[in-house]
N, C-alpha and C. Protein backbone atom coordinates (compact mmCIF):
# COMPACT_ATOMS: atom_id res chain seq x y z
N MET A 1 5.13 8.98 -18.94
CA MET A 1 4.00 8.28 -18.35
C MET A 1 2.93 9.26 -17.90
N ASN A 2 1.70 8.91 -18.17
CA ASN A 2 0.58 9.74 -17.72
C ASN A 2 0.38 9.59 -16.23
N LYS A 3 -0.23 10.61 -15.62
CA LYS A 3 -0.57 10.52 -14.20
C LYS A 3 -1.56 9.39 -13.96
N ILE A 4 -2.44 9.13 -14.92
CA ILE A 4 -3.45 8.08 -14.76
C ILE A 4 -2.77 6.72 -14.60
N HIS A 5 -1.74 6.47 -15.40
CA HIS A 5 -1.06 5.18 -15.32
C HIS A 5 -0.27 5.05 -14.01
N LEU A 6 0.20 6.16 -13.47
CA LEU A 6 0.94 6.11 -12.20
C LEU A 6 0.02 5.68 -11.07
N TYR A 7 -1.22 6.16 -11.08
CA TYR A 7 -2.15 5.85 -10.00
C TYR A 7 -2.77 4.46 -10.14
N ASP A 8 -2.56 3.79 -11.27
CA ASP A 8 -3.11 2.44 -11.46
C ASP A 8 -2.49 1.42 -10.52
N LYS A 9 -1.28 1.67 -10.05
CA LYS A 9 -0.59 0.70 -9.19
C LYS A 9 -0.85 0.91 -7.71
N ILE A 10 -1.64 1.93 -7.35
CA ILE A 10 -1.97 2.17 -5.94
C ILE A 10 -3.49 2.25 -5.83
N ILE A 11 -4.09 1.36 -5.05
CA ILE A 11 -5.55 1.39 -4.87
C ILE A 11 -5.90 2.38 -3.77
N SER A 12 -5.31 2.20 -2.59
CA SER A 12 -5.62 3.10 -1.48
C SER A 12 -4.58 2.93 -0.38
N PRO A 13 -4.46 3.93 0.49
CA PRO A 13 -3.60 3.73 1.66
C PRO A 13 -4.29 2.77 2.62
N PHE A 14 -3.51 1.98 3.31
CA PHE A 14 -4.04 0.98 4.23
C PHE A 14 -3.82 1.51 5.65
N VAL A 15 -4.86 2.08 6.24
CA VAL A 15 -4.73 2.76 7.52
C VAL A 15 -5.32 1.88 8.62
N THR A 16 -4.43 1.33 9.44
CA THR A 16 -4.82 0.55 10.61
C THR A 16 -3.93 1.01 11.76
N GLU A 17 -4.17 0.45 12.92
CA GLU A 17 -3.33 0.81 14.07
C GLU A 17 -1.88 0.38 13.83
N LYS A 18 -1.71 -0.80 13.27
CA LYS A 18 -0.37 -1.31 13.02
C LYS A 18 0.35 -0.47 11.96
N SER A 19 -0.35 -0.09 10.89
CA SER A 19 0.29 0.71 9.85
C SER A 19 0.60 2.12 10.33
N THR A 20 -0.20 2.64 11.25
CA THR A 20 0.08 3.95 11.84
C THR A 20 1.35 3.89 12.68
N ASN A 21 1.54 2.80 13.41
CA ASN A 21 2.77 2.63 14.19
C ASN A 21 3.99 2.48 13.29
N LEU A 22 3.81 1.88 12.10
CA LEU A 22 4.92 1.73 11.17
C LEU A 22 5.37 3.07 10.59
N SER A 23 4.48 4.05 10.58
CA SER A 23 4.85 5.35 10.01
C SER A 23 5.94 6.04 10.83
N GLU A 24 6.11 5.65 12.09
CA GLU A 24 7.20 6.19 12.89
C GLU A 24 8.56 5.69 12.41
N GLN A 25 8.56 4.57 11.69
CA GLN A 25 9.80 3.99 11.16
C GLN A 25 9.98 4.32 9.67
N ASN A 26 9.32 5.38 9.18
CA ASN A 26 9.36 5.79 7.78
C ASN A 26 8.79 4.72 6.86
N LYS A 27 7.73 4.03 7.27
CA LYS A 27 7.10 3.00 6.45
C LYS A 27 5.65 3.38 6.21
N ILE A 28 5.20 3.21 4.97
CA ILE A 28 3.84 3.50 4.57
C ILE A 28 3.25 2.23 3.98
N VAL A 29 1.96 1.96 4.25
CA VAL A 29 1.31 0.75 3.75
C VAL A 29 0.22 1.15 2.75
N PHE A 30 0.25 0.53 1.56
CA PHE A 30 -0.74 0.77 0.52
C PHE A 30 -1.38 -0.54 0.10
N LYS A 31 -2.65 -0.48 -0.28
CA LYS A 31 -3.32 -1.60 -0.91
C LYS A 31 -3.05 -1.47 -2.41
N VAL A 32 -2.56 -2.54 -3.03
CA VAL A 32 -2.17 -2.48 -4.44
C VAL A 32 -2.88 -3.59 -5.21
N PRO A 33 -2.99 -3.47 -6.54
CA PRO A 33 -3.61 -4.54 -7.34
C PRO A 33 -2.76 -5.80 -7.34
N SER A 34 -3.40 -6.91 -7.66
CA SER A 34 -2.70 -8.20 -7.62
C SER A 34 -1.61 -8.29 -8.69
N SER A 35 -1.65 -7.43 -9.70
CA SER A 35 -0.65 -7.47 -10.77
C SER A 35 0.56 -6.59 -10.47
N ALA A 36 0.57 -5.90 -9.33
CA ALA A 36 1.66 -4.97 -9.01
C ALA A 36 2.94 -5.72 -8.67
N ASN A 37 4.08 -5.11 -9.05
CA ASN A 37 5.37 -5.67 -8.66
C ASN A 37 6.24 -4.56 -8.07
N LYS A 38 7.36 -4.94 -7.48
CA LYS A 38 8.19 -4.00 -6.73
C LYS A 38 8.79 -2.90 -7.60
N GLU A 39 9.26 -3.26 -8.80
CA GLU A 39 9.92 -2.27 -9.65
C GLU A 39 8.95 -1.16 -10.07
N ASN A 40 7.75 -1.55 -10.52
CA ASN A 40 6.76 -0.56 -10.94
C ASN A 40 6.29 0.29 -9.77
N LEU A 41 6.07 -0.34 -8.62
CA LEU A 41 5.63 0.40 -7.44
C LEU A 41 6.66 1.45 -7.04
N LYS A 42 7.92 1.07 -7.06
CA LYS A 42 8.98 2.01 -6.66
C LYS A 42 9.01 3.22 -7.58
N LYS A 43 8.96 2.99 -8.89
CA LYS A 43 8.97 4.10 -9.85
C LYS A 43 7.76 5.00 -9.66
N ASN A 44 6.59 4.40 -9.53
CA ASN A 44 5.36 5.18 -9.43
C ASN A 44 5.31 6.00 -8.15
N ILE A 45 5.68 5.43 -7.03
CA ILE A 45 5.62 6.15 -5.76
C ILE A 45 6.64 7.28 -5.73
N GLU A 46 7.82 7.05 -6.29
CA GLU A 46 8.82 8.11 -6.34
C GLU A 46 8.35 9.26 -7.22
N LYS A 47 7.65 8.98 -8.33
CA LYS A 47 7.16 10.04 -9.21
C LYS A 47 5.97 10.78 -8.61
N ILE A 48 5.04 10.05 -7.99
CA ILE A 48 3.82 10.69 -7.46
C ILE A 48 4.13 11.55 -6.24
N PHE A 49 4.83 10.98 -5.26
CA PHE A 49 5.03 11.66 -3.98
C PHE A 49 6.37 12.38 -3.87
N LYS A 50 7.25 12.21 -4.86
CA LYS A 50 8.58 12.86 -4.87
C LYS A 50 9.39 12.54 -3.61
N VAL A 51 9.50 11.24 -3.32
CA VAL A 51 10.29 10.74 -2.19
C VAL A 51 11.24 9.66 -2.71
N ASN A 52 12.20 9.25 -1.87
CA ASN A 52 13.13 8.18 -2.23
C ASN A 52 12.72 6.90 -1.49
N VAL A 53 12.45 5.85 -2.25
CA VAL A 53 12.06 4.56 -1.69
C VAL A 53 13.31 3.71 -1.53
N THR A 54 13.51 3.17 -0.32
CA THR A 54 14.68 2.32 -0.09
C THR A 54 14.35 0.83 -0.15
N LYS A 55 13.10 0.47 0.21
CA LYS A 55 12.74 -0.95 0.27
C LYS A 55 11.24 -1.11 0.11
N ILE A 56 10.82 -2.22 -0.51
CA ILE A 56 9.40 -2.52 -0.65
C ILE A 56 9.17 -3.98 -0.27
N ASN A 57 8.23 -4.22 0.61
CA ASN A 57 7.80 -5.58 0.96
C ASN A 57 6.36 -5.74 0.50
N ILE A 58 6.07 -6.84 -0.20
CA ILE A 58 4.72 -7.10 -0.69
C ILE A 58 4.16 -8.33 0.01
N ILE A 59 2.91 -8.20 0.48
CA ILE A 59 2.25 -9.27 1.22
C ILE A 59 0.94 -9.61 0.52
N ASN A 60 0.71 -10.90 0.26
CA ASN A 60 -0.55 -11.37 -0.32
C ASN A 60 -1.45 -11.85 0.80
N LYS A 61 -2.62 -11.25 0.93
CA LYS A 61 -3.62 -11.72 1.88
C LYS A 61 -4.57 -12.63 1.11
N LYS A 62 -4.70 -13.87 1.53
CA LYS A 62 -5.55 -14.82 0.82
C LYS A 62 -7.02 -14.57 1.12
N LYS A 63 -7.87 -14.96 0.17
CA LYS A 63 -9.30 -14.84 0.43
C LYS A 63 -9.69 -15.94 1.42
N ARG A 64 -10.73 -15.67 2.20
CA ARG A 64 -11.12 -16.60 3.24
C ARG A 64 -12.62 -16.52 3.47
N ILE A 65 -13.12 -17.45 4.24
CA ILE A 65 -14.54 -17.46 4.61
C ILE A 65 -14.65 -17.14 6.09
N LYS A 66 -15.51 -16.19 6.40
CA LYS A 66 -15.70 -15.72 7.77
C LYS A 66 -17.14 -15.97 8.15
N ILE A 67 -17.38 -16.34 9.40
CA ILE A 67 -18.75 -16.57 9.87
C ILE A 67 -19.21 -15.35 10.64
N THR A 68 -20.27 -14.70 10.13
CA THR A 68 -20.83 -13.51 10.75
C THR A 68 -22.31 -13.74 11.00
N ARG A 69 -22.72 -13.66 12.23
CA ARG A 69 -24.12 -13.86 12.63
C ARG A 69 -24.68 -15.19 12.11
N GLY A 70 -23.83 -16.20 12.16
CA GLY A 70 -24.27 -17.54 11.77
C GLY A 70 -24.26 -17.78 10.27
N ARG A 71 -23.82 -16.83 9.48
CA ARG A 71 -23.77 -16.99 8.02
C ARG A 71 -22.33 -16.95 7.55
N LYS A 72 -22.08 -17.70 6.50
CA LYS A 72 -20.75 -17.70 5.92
C LYS A 72 -20.64 -16.53 4.94
N VAL A 73 -19.58 -15.75 5.10
CA VAL A 73 -19.35 -14.59 4.24
C VAL A 73 -17.96 -14.72 3.63
N LYS A 74 -17.86 -14.45 2.33
CA LYS A 74 -16.56 -14.51 1.67
C LYS A 74 -15.86 -13.16 1.84
N VAL A 75 -14.61 -13.21 2.29
CA VAL A 75 -13.77 -12.03 2.41
C VAL A 75 -12.75 -12.11 1.29
N SER A 76 -12.76 -11.14 0.39
CA SER A 76 -11.86 -11.20 -0.76
C SER A 76 -10.41 -10.96 -0.34
N GLY A 77 -9.51 -11.58 -1.05
CA GLY A 77 -8.09 -11.39 -0.78
C GLY A 77 -7.58 -10.13 -1.47
N PHE A 78 -6.42 -9.68 -1.06
CA PHE A 78 -5.82 -8.50 -1.67
C PHE A 78 -4.32 -8.54 -1.45
N LYS A 79 -3.64 -7.59 -2.06
CA LYS A 79 -2.19 -7.49 -1.95
C LYS A 79 -1.87 -6.14 -1.31
N LYS A 80 -0.96 -6.13 -0.34
CA LYS A 80 -0.55 -4.86 0.26
C LYS A 80 0.95 -4.72 0.19
N ALA A 81 1.39 -3.47 0.09
CA ALA A 81 2.81 -3.17 -0.03
C ALA A 81 3.23 -2.28 1.12
N ILE A 82 4.32 -2.68 1.80
CA ILE A 82 4.90 -1.86 2.86
C ILE A 82 6.13 -1.19 2.25
N ILE A 83 6.08 0.14 2.18
CA ILE A 83 7.12 0.91 1.50
C ILE A 83 7.96 1.64 2.54
N THR A 84 9.27 1.39 2.52
CA THR A 84 10.19 2.06 3.43
C THR A 84 10.81 3.24 2.70
N LEU A 85 10.73 4.41 3.32
CA LEU A 85 11.26 5.63 2.73
C LEU A 85 12.62 5.97 3.32
N LYS A 86 13.35 6.83 2.63
CA LYS A 86 14.64 7.30 3.12
C LYS A 86 14.43 8.09 4.40
N LYS A 87 15.40 8.06 5.31
CA LYS A 87 15.28 8.76 6.59
C LYS A 87 14.99 10.24 6.38
N GLY A 88 14.06 10.75 7.17
CA GLY A 88 13.72 12.16 7.10
C GLY A 88 12.60 12.48 6.12
N GLN A 89 12.19 11.50 5.30
CA GLN A 89 11.12 11.73 4.35
C GLN A 89 9.84 11.08 4.84
N SER A 90 8.71 11.64 4.42
CA SER A 90 7.43 11.06 4.81
C SER A 90 6.38 11.42 3.77
N ILE A 91 5.28 10.68 3.80
CA ILE A 91 4.13 10.94 2.94
C ILE A 91 2.96 11.25 3.85
N ASP A 92 2.32 12.40 3.65
CA ASP A 92 1.16 12.77 4.45
C ASP A 92 -0.09 12.24 3.78
N LEU A 93 -0.68 11.18 4.34
CA LEU A 93 -1.84 10.55 3.73
C LEU A 93 -3.14 11.30 4.02
N THR A 94 -3.13 12.23 4.94
CA THR A 94 -4.37 12.92 5.31
C THR A 94 -4.73 14.05 4.35
N THR A 95 -3.76 14.52 3.55
CA THR A 95 -4.04 15.64 2.65
C THR A 95 -4.65 15.21 1.32
N GLY A 96 -4.52 13.97 0.95
CA GLY A 96 -5.02 13.51 -0.35
C GLY A 96 -3.95 13.63 -1.42
N ILE A 97 -4.26 13.12 -2.58
CA ILE A 97 -3.27 13.11 -3.66
C ILE A 97 -3.58 14.20 -4.66
């Protein structure tokens, strides 16, 4: 597999206060494409970051309409994956890929 195809299943790391707190439990959160599935994500993350993945949870965020300054704005939906790593392993998201 090419490196290009490996990165197709990961859009970006999802950095929020909640995801930062999850990193203490060996969990990393990524934004992934809507076509991603658990098997492909596990293989790709293990090859890219050279870690052992024990569990993957995928969450679909639905698109919605939000009112901002009296106007309706469409917020697009996305899919995020919470990846649990083996104890003692971690991914440093601040260094880049």
